[in-house]
PDB file of N, CA and C in Angstrom:
ATOM      1  N   MET A   1     -21.649  40.279  -2.412  1.00  0.00           N
ATOM      2  CA  MET A   1     -22.233  38.918  -2.969  1.00  0.00           C
ATOM      3  C   MET A   1     -23.679  39.832  -4.058  1.00  0.00           C
ATOM      4  N   SER A   2     -23.486  39.200  -5.426  1.00  0.00           N
ATOM      5  CA  SER A   2     -24.588  39.407  -6.102  1.00  0.00           C
ATOM      6  C   SER A   2     -25.859  38.472  -5.771  1.00  0.00           C
ATOM      7  N   THR A   3     -26.593  39.211  -5.816  1.00  0.00           N
ATOM      8  CA  THR A   3     -27.853  38.065  -6.140  1.00  0.00           C
ATOM      9  C   THR A   3     -27.570  36.480  -6.859  1.00  0.00           C
ATOM     10  N   ASN A   4     -26.882  36.554  -7.573  1.00  0.00           N
ATOM     11  CA  ASN A   4     -26.604  35.463  -8.779  1.00  0.00           C
ATOM     12  C   ASN A   4     -25.601  34.724  -7.846  1.00  0.00           C
ATOM     13  N   GLU A   5     -25.217  35.182  -7.439  1.00  0.00           N
ATOM     14  CA  GLU A   5     -23.678  34.203  -6.146  1.00  0.00           C
ATOM     15  C   GLU A   5     -24.343  33.760  -4.755  1.00  0.00           C
ATOM     16  N   LYS A   6     -25.819  34.331  -4.430  1.00  0.00           N
ATOM     17  CA  LYS A   6     -26.471  33.550  -3.152  1.00  0.00           C
ATOM     18  C   LYS A   6     -26.635  32.076  -3.776  1.00  0.00           C
ATOM     19  N   ARG A   7     -27.042  30.990  -3.283  1.00  0.00           N
ATOM     20  CA  ARG A   7     -27.862  30.341  -3.201  1.00  0.00           C
ATOM     21  C   ARG A   7     -28.140  28.872  -2.013  1.00  0.00           C
ATOM     22  N   ILE A   8     -29.238  29.630  -1.585  1.00  0.00           N
ATOM     23  CA  ILE A   8     -29.870  28.756  -0.194  1.00  0.00           C
ATOM     24  C   ILE A   8     -30.915  27.538  -0.835  1.00  0.00           C
ATOM     25  N   LYS A   9     -30.049  26.682   0.209  1.00  0.00           N
ATOM     26  CA  LYS A   9     -30.898  25.363  -0.340  1.00  0.00           C
ATOM     27  C   LYS A   9     -31.877  25.597   1.243  1.00  0.00           C
ATOM     28  N   ILE A  10     -32.738  24.459   1.470  1.00  0.00           N
ATOM     29  CA  ILE A  10     -33.734  23.834   2.412  1.00  0.00           C
ATOM     30  C   ILE A  10     -33.951  22.985   2.482  1.00  0.00           C
ATOM     31  N   PHE A  11     -33.016  22.206   2.920  1.00  0.00           N
ATOM     32  CA  PHE A  11     -33.065  20.135   3.481  1.00  0.00           C
ATOM     33  C   PHE A  11     -34.842  20.102   4.828  1.00  0.00           C
ATOM     34  N   MET A  12     -36.265  19.554   4.050  1.00  0.00           N
ATOM     35  CA  MET A  12     -36.276  19.201   4.575  1.00  0.00           C
ATOM     36  C   MET A  12     -36.984  18.027   5.154  1.00  0.00           C
ATOM     37  N   MET A  13     -37.925  17.413   5.894  1.00  0.00           N
ATOM     38  CA  MET A  13     -38.587  15.670   5.277  1.00  0.00           C
ATOM     39  C   MET A  13     -40.634  15.497   5.928  1.00  0.00           C
ATOM     40  N   PRO A  14     -41.098  15.707   4.523  1.00  0.00           N
ATOM     41  CA  PRO A  14     -42.438  15.957   4.301  1.00  0.00           C
ATOM     42  C   PRO A  14     -43.013  15.240   6.388  1.00  0.00           C
ATOM     43  N   GLN A  15     -44.081  16.442   6.712  1.00  0.00           N
ATOM     44  CA  GLN A  15     -44.007  15.907   8.239  1.00  0.00           C
ATOM     45  C   GLN A  15     -44.951  14.029   7.915  1.00  0.00           C
ATOM     46  N   GLN A  16     -44.721  13.401   9.197  1.00  0.00           N
ATOM     47  CA  GLN A  16     -45.076  12.346   9.480  1.00  0.00           C
ATOM     48  C   GLN A  16     -45.902  12.475  11.230  1.00  0.00           C
ATOM     49  N   PHE A  17     -46.371  11.170  11.298  1.00  0.00           N
ATOM     50  CA  PHE A  17     -47.108  10.889  12.264  1.00  0.00           C
ATOM     51  C   PHE A  17     -46.540   8.995  12.398  1.00  0.00           C
ATOM     52  N   PRO A  18     -45.348   9.281  13.550  1.00  0.00           N
ATOM     53  CA  PRO A  18     -45.341   7.747  12.936  1.00  0.00           C
ATOM     54  C   PRO A  18     -46.089   7.320  13.660  1.00  0.00           C
ATOM     55  N   CYS A  19     -46.717   7.029  15.014  1.00  0.00           N
ATOM     56  CA  CYS A  19     -47.679   6.723  15.538  1.00  0.00           C
ATOM     57  C   CYS A  19     -49.379   6.561  15.037  1.00  0.00           C
ATOM     58  N   GLY A  20     -49.443   7.303  14.049  1.00  0.00           N
ATOM     59  CA  GLY A  20     -51.250   7.624  14.309  1.00  0.00           C
ATOM     60  C   GLY A  20     -50.844   9.112  14.363  1.00  0.00           C
ATOM     61  N   PRO A  21     -52.044   9.753  13.562  1.00  0.00           N
ATOM     62  CA  PRO A  21     -52.638  10.783  13.931  1.00  0.00           C
ATOM     63  C   PRO A  21     -52.816  11.485  14.959  1.00  0.00           C
ATOM     64  N   ASP A  22     -53.357  10.479  15.390  1.00  0.00           N
ATOM     65  CA  ASP A  22     -54.764  10.452  16.778  1.00  0.00           C
ATOM     66  C   ASP A  22     -53.352   9.953  18.042  1.00  0.00           C
ATOM     67  N   SER A  23     -52.362  10.066  18.039  1.00  0.00           N
ATOM     68  CA  SER A  23     -51.627   9.037  18.790  1.00  0.00           C
ATOM     69  C   SER A  23     -51.545   9.526  20.166  1.00  0.00           C
ATOM     70  N   ALA A  24     -51.329   9.475  21.545  1.00  0.00           N
ATOM     71  CA  ALA A  24     -51.279  10.323  22.381  1.00  0.00           C
ATOM     72  C   ALA A  24     -49.474   9.988  22.782  1.00  0.00           C
ATOM     73  N   CYS A  25     -48.965   9.386  22.409  1.00  0.00           N
ATOM     74  CA  CYS A  25     -47.647   8.580  22.567  1.00  0.00           C
ATOM     75  C   CYS A  25     -46.246   9.957  21.696  1.00  0.00           C
ATOM     76  N   CYS A  26     -46.348   9.781  20.873  1.00  0.00           N
ATOM     77  CA  CYS A  26     -45.451  10.916  20.107  1.00  0.00           C
ATOM     78  C   CYS A  26     -46.094  11.714  19.069  1.00  0.00           C
ATOM     79  N   GLY A  27     -45.416  12.616  19.080  1.00  0.00           N
ATOM     80  CA  GLY A  27     -45.991  14.170  17.781  1.00  0.00           C
ATOM     81  C   GLY A  27     -45.384  13.386  16.906  1.00  0.00           C
ATOM     82  N   PRO A  28     -45.748  14.710  16.044  1.00  0.00           N
ATOM     83  CA  PRO A  28     -45.530  14.404  14.293  1.00  0.00           C
ATOM     84  C   PRO A  28     -43.755  14.797  14.568  1.00  0.00           C
ATOM     85  N   ILE A  29     -43.296  13.758  13.415  1.00  0.00           N
ATOM     86  CA  ILE A  29     -41.386  14.491  12.652  1.00  0.00           C
ATOM     87  C   ILE A  29     -41.681  14.846  11.779  1.00  0.00           C
ATOM     88  N   GLY A  30     -40.832  15.950  11.447  1.00  0.00           N
ATOM     89  CA  GLY A  30     -40.619  16.484  10.375  1.00  0.00           C
ATOM     90  C   GLY A  30     -41.507  17.965  10.020  1.00  0.00           C
ATOM     91  N   GLN A  31     -41.307  18.892   8.916  1.00  0.00           N
ATOM     92  CA  GLN A  31     -41.865  20.144   8.926  1.00  0.00           C
ATOM     93  C   GLN A  31     -43.401  20.191   7.326  1.00  0.00           C
ATOM     94  N   SER A  32     -44.245  20.763   8.032  1.00  0.00           N
ATOM     95  CA  SER A  32     -45.610  21.092   7.164  1.00  0.00           C
ATOM     96  C   SER A  32     -44.841  21.474   6.058  1.00  0.00           C
ATOM     97  N   GLU A  33     -45.928  20.933   4.833  1.00  0.00           N
ATOM     98  CA  GLU A  33     -45.793  21.988   3.938  1.00  0.00           C
ATOM     99  C   GLU A  33     -45.770  23.255   4.174  1.00  0.00           C
ATOM    100  N   GLU A  34     -47.231  24.026   4.882  1.00  0.00           N
ATOM    101  CA  GLU A  34     -47.637  25.848   5.456  1.00  0.00           C
ATOM    102  C   GLU A  34     -45.494  25.960   5.761  1.00  0.00           C
ATOM    103  N   GLU A  35     -44.936  24.799   6.999  1.00  0.00           N
ATOM    104  CA  GLU A  35     -44.161  25.244   7.206  1.00  0.00           C
ATOM    105  C   GLU A  35     -43.305  26.491   6.349  1.00  0.00           C
ATOM    106  N   ILE A  36     -42.477  24.575   5.491  1.00  0.00           N
ATOM    107  CA  ILE A  36     -41.720  24.803   4.825  1.00  0.00           C
ATOM    108  C   ILE A  36     -41.707  26.191   3.320  1.00  0.00           C
ATOM    109  N   GLN A  37     -43.198  26.474   3.156  1.00  0.00           N
ATOM    110  CA  GLN A  37     -43.446  27.195   2.205  1.00  0.00           C
ATOM    111  C   GLN A  37     -43.327  28.804   3.155  1.00  0.00           C
ATOM    112  N   ASN A  38     -43.355  29.102   4.034  1.00  0.00           N
ATOM    113  CA  ASN A  38     -43.149  30.149   4.550  1.00  0.00           C
ATOM    114  C   ASN A  38     -41.952  30.298   5.099  1.00  0.00           C
ATOM    115  N   LEU A  39     -40.957  28.978   4.871  1.00  0.00           N
ATOM    116  CA  LEU A  39     -39.718  29.923   5.315  1.00  0.00           C
ATOM    117  C   LEU A  39     -39.100  30.362   4.267  1.00  0.00           C
ATOM    118  N   LYS A  40     -39.241  29.187   2.782  1.00  0.00           N
ATOM    119  CA  LYS A  40     -39.424  29.821   1.559  1.00  0.00           C
ATOM    120  C   LYS A  40     -39.166  30.625   1.822  1.00  0.00           C
ATOM    121  N   ARG A  41     -41.106  31.615   1.164  1.00  0.00           N
ATOM    122  CA  ARG A  41     -41.150  32.725   1.180  1.00  0.00           C
ATOM    123  C   ARG A  41     -40.274  33.882   1.449  1.00  0.00           C
ATOM    124  N   VAL A  42     -39.731  33.903   3.554  1.00  0.00           N
ATOM    125  CA  VAL A  42     -38.950  34.414   3.946  1.00  0.00           C
ATOM    126  C   VAL A  42     -37.607  34.838   3.826  1.00  0.00           C
ATOM    127  N   LEU A  43     -37.174  33.761   3.455  1.00  0.00           N
ATOM    128  CA  LEU A  43     -35.553  33.767   3.265  1.00  0.00           C
ATOM    129  C   LEU A  43     -35.550  34.101   1.944  1.00  0.00           C
ATOM    130  N   GLU A  44     -36.552  33.991   0.653  1.00  0.00           N
ATOM    131  CA  GLU A  44     -36.712  35.079  -0.999  1.00  0.00           C
ATOM    132  C   GLU A  44     -36.869  36.232  -0.784  1.00  0.00           C
ATOM    133  N   LYS A  45     -37.954  36.370   0.053  1.00  0.00           N
ATOM    134  CA  LYS A  45     -37.802  38.007   0.246  1.00  0.00           C
ATOM    135  C   LYS A  45     -36.609  38.746   1.079  1.00  0.00           C
ATOM    136  N   GLU A  46     -36.279  38.182   1.744  1.00  0.00           N
ATOM    137  CA  GLU A  46     -35.347  38.938   2.574  1.00  0.00           C
ATOM    138  C   GLU A  46     -34.116  38.655   1.404  1.00  0.00           C
ATOM    139  N   PHE A  47     -33.911  38.301   0.905  1.00  0.00           N
ATOM    140  CA  PHE A  47     -32.607  38.007   0.406  1.00  0.00           C
ATOM    141  C   PHE A  47     -32.485  37.924  -1.174  1.00  0.00           C
ATOM    142  N   SER A  48     -34.050  38.376  -1.674  1.00  0.00           N
ATOM    143  CA  SER A  48     -34.179  38.574  -3.047  1.00  0.00           C
ATOM    144  C   SER A  48     -33.357  37.346  -4.099  1.00  0.00           C
ATOM    145  N   CYS A  49     -33.466  36.466  -3.394  1.00  0.00           N
ATOM    146  CA  CYS A  49     -33.561  35.139  -5.330  1.00  0.00           C
ATOM    147  C   CYS A  49     -33.945  34.087  -4.885  1.00  0.00           C
ATOM    148  N   HIS A  50     -33.591  32.684  -4.880  1.00  0.00           N
ATOM    149  CA  HIS A  50     -34.137  31.767  -5.327  1.00  0.00           C
ATOM    150  C   HIS A  50     -34.344  30.889  -4.189  1.00  0.00           C
ATOM    151  N   VAL A  51     -35.055  30.558  -3.356  1.00  0.00           N
ATOM    152  CA  VAL A  51     -34.725  29.475  -2.836  1.00  0.00           C
ATOM    153  C   VAL A  51     -35.619  28.224  -3.119  1.00  0.00           C
ATOM    154  N   GLU A  52     -34.229  26.775  -2.722  1.00  0.00           N
ATOM    155  CA  GLU A  52     -34.989  25.041  -3.595  1.00  0.00           C
ATOM    156  C   GLU A  52     -34.898  24.831  -2.298  1.00  0.00           C
ATOM    157  N   VAL A  53     -35.751  24.080  -1.920  1.00  0.00           N
ATOM    158  CA  VAL A  53     -36.692  23.258  -1.075  1.00  0.00           C
ATOM    159  C   VAL A  53     -35.872  21.219  -1.346  1.00  0.00           C
ATOM    160  N   PHE A  54     -35.488  20.869  -0.492  1.00  0.00           N
ATOM    161  CA  PHE A  54     -34.984  19.336  -0.804  1.00  0.00           C
ATOM    162  C   PHE A  54     -35.719  18.497   0.313  1.00  0.00           C
ATOM    163  N   ASP A  55     -35.827  17.002  -0.542  1.00  0.00           N
ATOM    164  CA  ASP A  55     -36.464  16.142   0.873  1.00  0.00           C
ATOM    165  C   ASP A  55     -36.271  15.423   1.134  1.00  0.00           C
ATOM    166  N   VAL A  56     -35.047  15.233   2.079  1.00  0.00           N
ATOM    167  CA  VAL A  56     -34.137  14.052   2.575  1.00  0.00           C
ATOM    168  C   VAL A  56     -34.536  12.571   1.948  1.00  0.00           C
ATOM    169  N   THR A  57     -35.765  12.365   2.445  1.00  0.00           N
ATOM    170  CA  THR A  57     -36.416  11.135   2.365  1.00  0.00           C
ATOM    171  C   THR A  57     -35.992  10.924   0.875  1.00  0.00           C
ATOM    172  N   LYS A  58     -35.878  11.218  -0.475  1.00  0.00           N
ATOM    173  CA  LYS A  58     -36.057  11.047  -1.621  1.00  0.00           C
ATOM    174  C   LYS A  58     -34.350  11.078  -2.100  1.00  0.00           C
ATOM    175  N   GLY A  59     -33.681   9.906  -2.212  1.00  0.00           N
ATOM    176  CA  GLY A  59     -32.610   9.591  -2.713  1.00  0.00           C
ATOM    177  C   GLY A  59     -31.324  10.678  -3.803  1.00  0.00           C
ATOM    178  N   ALA A  60     -32.809  10.595  -5.083  1.00  0.00           N
ATOM    179  CA  ALA A  60     -32.290  11.340  -6.201  1.00  0.00           C
ATOM    180  C   ALA A  60     -32.463  12.856  -5.470  1.00  0.00           C
ATOM    181  N   ASP A  61     -33.172  13.403  -4.684  1.00  0.00           N
ATOM    182  CA  ASP A  61     -32.782  14.719  -4.084  1.00  0.00           C
ATOM    183  C   ASP A  61     -31.415  14.714  -3.101  1.00  0.00           C
ATOM    184  N   MET A  62     -30.942  13.438  -3.281  1.00  0.00           N
ATOM    185  CA  MET A  62     -29.745  13.876  -2.500  1.00  0.00           C
ATOM    186  C   MET A  62     -28.057  13.649  -2.376  1.00  0.00           C
ATOM    187  N   LYS A  63     -28.862  13.133  -4.176  1.00  0.00           N
ATOM    188  CA  LYS A  63     -27.291  12.014  -4.135  1.00  0.00           C
ATOM    189  C   LYS A  63     -26.140  13.632  -4.907  1.00  0.00           C
ATOM    190  N   ASP A  64     -26.963  14.496  -4.880  1.00  0.00           N
ATOM    191  CA  ASP A  64     -25.650  15.639  -4.235  1.00  0.00           C
ATOM    192  C   ASP A  64     -25.635  16.305  -4.342  1.00  0.00           C
ATOM    193  N   HIS A  65     -25.977  16.296  -2.270  1.00  0.00           N
ATOM    194  CA  HIS A  65     -26.148  16.918  -0.991  1.00  0.00           C
ATOM    195  C   HIS A  65     -25.482  15.917  -0.307  1.00  0.00           C
ATOM    196  N   LEU A  66     -23.867  15.101  -0.470  1.00  0.00           N
ATOM    197  CA  LEU A  66     -23.768  14.136   0.655  1.00  0.00           C
ATOM    198  C   LEU A  66     -23.709  14.612   2.039  1.00  0.00           C
ATOM    199  N   PRO A  67     -22.844  15.870   2.271  1.00  0.00           N
ATOM    200  CA  PRO A  67     -22.433  16.300   3.639  1.00  0.00           C
ATOM    201  C   PRO A  67     -23.982  16.199   4.397  1.00  0.00           C
ATOM    202  N   ILE A  68     -25.600  16.794   3.780  1.00  0.00           N
ATOM    203  CA  ILE A  68     -26.231  17.512   4.276  1.00  0.00           C
ATOM    204  C   ILE A  68     -26.800  15.509   4.405  1.00  0.00           C
ATOM    205  N   ALA A  69     -26.705  14.675   3.709  1.00  0.00           N
ATOM    206  CA  ALA A  69     -27.080  13.439   4.032  1.00  0.00           C
ATOM    207  C   ALA A  69     -26.821  12.511   4.789  1.00  0.00           C
ATOM    208  N   ARG A  70     -25.489  13.195   5.663  1.00  0.00           N
ATOM    209  CA  ARG A  70     -25.044  12.908   6.087  1.00  0.00           C
ATOM    210  C   ARG A  70     -25.004  13.240   8.100  1.00  0.00           C
ATOM    211  N   LEU A  71     -25.717  14.487   7.852  1.00  0.00           N
ATOM    212  CA  LEU A  71     -25.636  15.534   8.702  1.00  0.00           C
ATOM    213  C   LEU A  71     -27.352  14.610   8.891  1.00  0.00           C
ATOM    214  N   PHE A  72     -27.571  13.931   7.973  1.00  0.00           N
ATOM    215  CA  PHE A  72     -29.152  14.144   8.778  1.00  0.00           C
ATOM    216  C   PHE A  72     -29.491  12.412   9.284  1.00  0.00           C
ATOM    217  N   ARG A  73     -28.663  12.076   8.790  1.00  0.00           N
ATOM    218  CA  ARG A  73     -28.346  10.173   9.013  1.00  0.00           C
ATOM    219  C   ARG A  73     -28.028   9.904  10.866  1.00  0.00           C
ATOM    220  N   SER A  74     -26.736  11.036  11.147  1.00  0.00           N
ATOM    221  CA  SER A  74     -26.039  11.442  12.082  1.00  0.00           C
ATOM    222  C   SER A  74     -27.269  11.998  13.307  1.00  0.00           C
ATOM    223  N   PHE A  75     -27.976  13.040  13.007  1.00  0.00           N
ATOM    224  CA  PHE A  75     -28.842  13.725  14.006  1.00  0.00           C
ATOM    225  C   PHE A  75     -29.834  13.074  13.761  1.00  0.00           C
ATOM    226  N   GLY A  76     -30.689  12.464  12.740  1.00  0.00           N
ATOM    227  CA  GLY A  76     -32.410  12.394  12.518  1.00  0.00           C
ATOM    228  C   GLY A  76     -33.080  13.661  11.872  1.00  0.00           C
ATOM    229  N   PRO A  77     -34.754  13.068  12.325  1.00  0.00           N
ATOM    230  CA  PRO A  77     -35.423  14.335  12.120  1.00  0.00           C
ATOM    231  C   PRO A  77     -35.038  15.994  12.705  1.00  0.00           C
ATOM    232  N   MET A  78     -34.359  15.248  13.851  1.00  0.00           N
ATOM    233  CA  MET A  78     -34.382  16.474  15.049  1.00  0.00           C
ATOM    234  C   MET A  78     -33.345  17.736  14.742  1.00  0.00           C
ATOM    235  N   ALA A  79     -32.320  17.269  13.300  1.00  0.00           N
ATOM    236  CA  ALA A  79     -31.662  18.065  12.890  1.00  0.00           C
ATOM    237  C   ALA A  79     -32.318  19.159  11.118  1.00  0.00           C
ATOM    238  N   LEU A  80     -33.356  18.251  10.896  1.00  0.00           N
ATOM    239  CA  LEU A  80     -34.273  19.398   9.722  1.00  0.00           C
ATOM    240  C   LEU A  80     -34.927  20.623  10.416  1.00  0.00           C
ATOM    241  N   PRO A  81     -35.239  21.669   9.740  1.00  0.00           N
ATOM    242  CA  PRO A  81     -34.415  21.492   8.820  1.00  0.00           C
ATOM    243  C   PRO A  81     -33.691  22.920   8.921  1.00  0.00           C
ATOM    244  N   ILE A  82     -32.868  21.333   7.346  1.00  0.00           N
ATOM    245  CA  ILE A  82     -30.390  22.713   7.314  1.00  0.00           C
ATOM    246  C   ILE A  82     -31.200  23.036   6.050  1.00  0.00           C
ATOM    247  N   ILE A  83     -30.443  23.773   6.819  1.00  0.00           N
ATOM    248  CA  ILE A  83     -30.872  25.502   5.912  1.00  0.00           C
ATOM    249  C   ILE A  83     -29.171  25.583   5.346  1.00  0.00           C
ATOM    250  N   ALA A  84     -29.355  25.755   3.931  1.00  0.00           N
ATOM    251  CA  ALA A  84     -27.272  25.961   3.843  1.00  0.00           C
ATOM    252  C   ALA A  84     -27.826  27.253   2.812  1.00  0.00           C
ATOM    253  N   LEU A  85     -26.043  27.658   3.252  1.00  0.00           N
ATOM    254  CA  LEU A  85     -26.237  29.526   1.878  1.00  0.00           C
ATOM    255  C   LEU A  85     -24.905  28.786   1.063  1.00  0.00           C
ATOM    256  N   ASN A  86     -24.790  28.055  -0.128  1.00  0.00           N
ATOM    257  CA  ASN A  86     -24.077  28.117  -1.115  1.00  0.00           C
ATOM    258  C   ASN A  86     -22.575  26.972  -0.876  1.00  0.00           C
ATOM    259  N   GLY A  87     -23.811  25.757  -0.323  1.00  0.00           N
ATOM    260  CA  GLY A  87     -22.827  24.664  -0.357  1.00  0.00           C
ATOM    261  C   GLY A  87     -22.870  24.502   1.254  1.00  0.00           C
ATOM    262  N   GLU A  88     -23.066  25.862   2.011  1.00  0.00           N
ATOM    263  CA  GLU A  88     -22.574  25.839   3.749  1.00  0.00           C
ATOM    264  C   GLU A  88     -23.813  25.859   4.676  1.00  0.00           C
ATOM    265  N   VAL A  89     -23.518  24.829   5.624  1.00  0.00           N
ATOM    266  CA  VAL A  89     -25.066  24.545   6.475  1.00  0.00           C
ATOM    267  C   VAL A  89     -25.121  25.765   7.374  1.00  0.00           C
ATOM    268  N   VAL A  90     -26.032  26.499   7.597  1.00  0.00           N
ATOM    269  CA  VAL A  90     -26.111  27.754   8.227  1.00  0.00           C
ATOM    270  C   VAL A  90     -26.830  27.749   9.193  1.00  0.00           C
ATOM    271  N   SER A  91     -28.468  26.524   9.724  1.00  0.00           N
ATOM    272  CA  SER A  91     -29.251  26.680  10.277  1.00  0.00           C
ATOM    273  C   SER A  91     -29.158  24.961  10.023  1.00  0.00           C
ATOM    274  N   MET A  92     -29.150  24.277  11.618  1.00  0.00           N
ATOM    275  CA  MET A  92     -30.216  23.127  11.412  1.00  0.00           C
ATOM    276  C   MET A  92     -31.399  23.336  12.798  1.00  0.00           C
ATOM    277  N   GLY A  93     -32.029  22.625  12.032  1.00  0.00           N
ATOM    278  CA  GLY A  93     -33.364  22.507  13.545  1.00  0.00           C
ATOM    279  C   GLY A  93     -34.697  23.336  12.797  1.00  0.00           C
ATOM    280  N   VAL A  94     -35.421  23.423  13.946  1.00  0.00           N
ATOM    281  CA  VAL A  94     -36.116  24.223  13.778  1.00  0.00           C
ATOM    282  C   VAL A  94     -36.554  25.898  14.201  1.00  0.00           C
ATOM    283  N   PRO A  95     -35.990  26.772  13.004  1.00  0.00           N
ATOM    284  CA  PRO A  95     -35.672  28.134  13.048  1.00  0.00           C
ATOM    285  C   PRO A  95     -36.825  28.509  12.878  1.00  0.00           C
ATOM    286  N   THR A  96     -37.398  30.007  14.031  1.00  0.00           N
ATOM    287  CA  THR A  96     -38.088  30.854  13.549  1.00  0.00           C
ATOM    288  C   THR A  96     -37.921  31.417  12.391  1.00  0.00           C
ATOM    289  N   PRO A  97     -38.764  32.419  11.189  1.00  0.00           N
ATOM    290  CA  PRO A  97     -37.954  32.565  10.315  1.00  0.00           C
ATOM    291  C   PRO A  97     -37.500  33.643   9.956  1.00  0.00           C
ATOM    292  N   GLU A  98     -37.052  34.581  11.801  1.00  0.00           N
ATOM    293  CA  GLU A  98     -36.559  35.277  11.670  1.00  0.00           C
ATOM    294  C   GLU A  98     -35.086  34.953  12.200  1.00  0.00           C
ATOM    295  N   GLU A  99     -35.232  33.606  13.010  1.00  0.00           N
ATOM    296  CA  GLU A  99     -33.973  33.782  12.869  1.00  0.00           C
ATOM    297  C   GLU A  99     -32.996  32.610  11.920  1.00  0.00           C
ATOM    298  N   ALA A 100     -34.385  32.446  10.695  1.00  0.00           N
ATOM    299  CA  ALA A 100     -33.370  31.457   9.597  1.00  0.00           C
ATOM    300  C   ALA A 100     -32.132  32.998   8.755  1.00  0.00           C
ATOM    301  N   VAL A 101     -33.360  34.551   8.918  1.00  0.00           N
ATOM    302  CA  VAL A 101     -32.622  35.129   8.446  1.00  0.00           C
ATOM    303  C   VAL A 101     -31.713  35.174   9.295  1.00  0.00           C
ATOM    304  N   LEU A 102     -31.378  35.467  10.148  1.00  0.00           N
ATOM    305  CA  LEU A 102     -30.403  35.898  11.042  1.00  0.00           C
ATOM    306  C   LEU A 102     -29.435  35.057  10.592  1.00  0.00           C
ATOM    307  N   ALA A 103     -29.504  33.755  10.430  1.00  0.00           N
ATOM    308  CA  ALA A 103     -28.198  32.924  10.691  1.00  0.00           C
ATOM    309  C   ALA A 103     -28.088  32.680   9.211  1.00  0.00           C
ATOM    310  N   VAL A 104     -28.563  33.272   8.251  1.00  0.00           N
ATOM    311  CA  VAL A 104     -27.846  33.470   6.406  1.00  0.00           C
ATOM    312  C   VAL A 104     -27.120  34.770   6.321  1.00  0.00           C
ATOM    313  N   LYS A 105     -27.504  35.873   6.990  1.00  0.00           N
ATOM    314  CA  LYS A 105     -27.215  37.142   7.325  1.00  0.00           C
ATOM    315  C   LYS A 105     -25.629  36.902   7.478  1.00  0.00           C
ATOM    316  N   GLU A 106     -25.615  36.720   9.308  1.00  0.00           N
ATOM    317  CA  GLU A 106     -24.431  36.015   9.654  1.00  0.00           C
ATOM    318  C   GLU A 106     -23.181  35.032   8.547  1.00  0.00           C
ATOM    319  N   LYS A 107     -23.718  34.311   8.186  1.00  0.00           N
ATOM    320  CA  LYS A 107     -22.619  33.676   7.373  1.00  0.00           C
ATOM    321  C   LYS A 107     -22.587  34.547   6.111  1.00  0.00           C
ATOM    322  N   MET A 108     -22.916  34.403   5.248  1.00  0.00           N
ATOM    323  CA  MET A 108     -23.089  36.052   4.579  1.00  0.00           C
ATOM    324  C   MET A 108     -21.953  36.797   4.463  1.00  0.00           C
ATOM    325  N   ASN A 109     -22.160  37.563   5.794  1.00  0.00           N
ATOM    326  CA  ASN A 109     -21.014  38.513   6.889  1.00  0.00           C
ATOM    327  C   ASN A 109     -19.631  38.205   6.373  1.00  0.00           C
ATOM    328  N   GLN A 110     -19.890  36.354   6.578  1.00  0.00           N
ATOM    329  CA  GLN A 110     -18.660  35.945   7.099  1.00  0.00           C
ATOM    330  C   GLN A 110     -17.556  36.000   5.305  1.00  0.00           C
ATOM    331  N   ILE A 111     -19.009  35.934   4.755  1.00  0.00           N
ATOM    332  CA  ILE A 111     -17.995  35.473   3.416  1.00  0.00           C
ATOM    333  C   ILE A 111     -17.303  36.894   3.152  1.00  0.00           C
TER     334      ILE A 111
END
């Protein structure tokens, strides 16, 4: 597979604090900007390709990604981030950058 054929996308939700930032009842949901940028940087370096990031809470970002939107509606914020390679989901949930790389490599080997 050539570099031009690899399309990696990360679907995420900006980190939010539903009960307030200092609340003891629940923690944050979503991903921090630092978390997503680190994941993006690692994937771009490992696979020498541009990685696109989409916010699942923005309808405009999701209109062309209905299967991902359905996953988010079904599983909620715990499914995020979702990583897709050439339109196929390779990872759901919070992976370490190393786990994300392994998931993409595994999918690439199946193609």
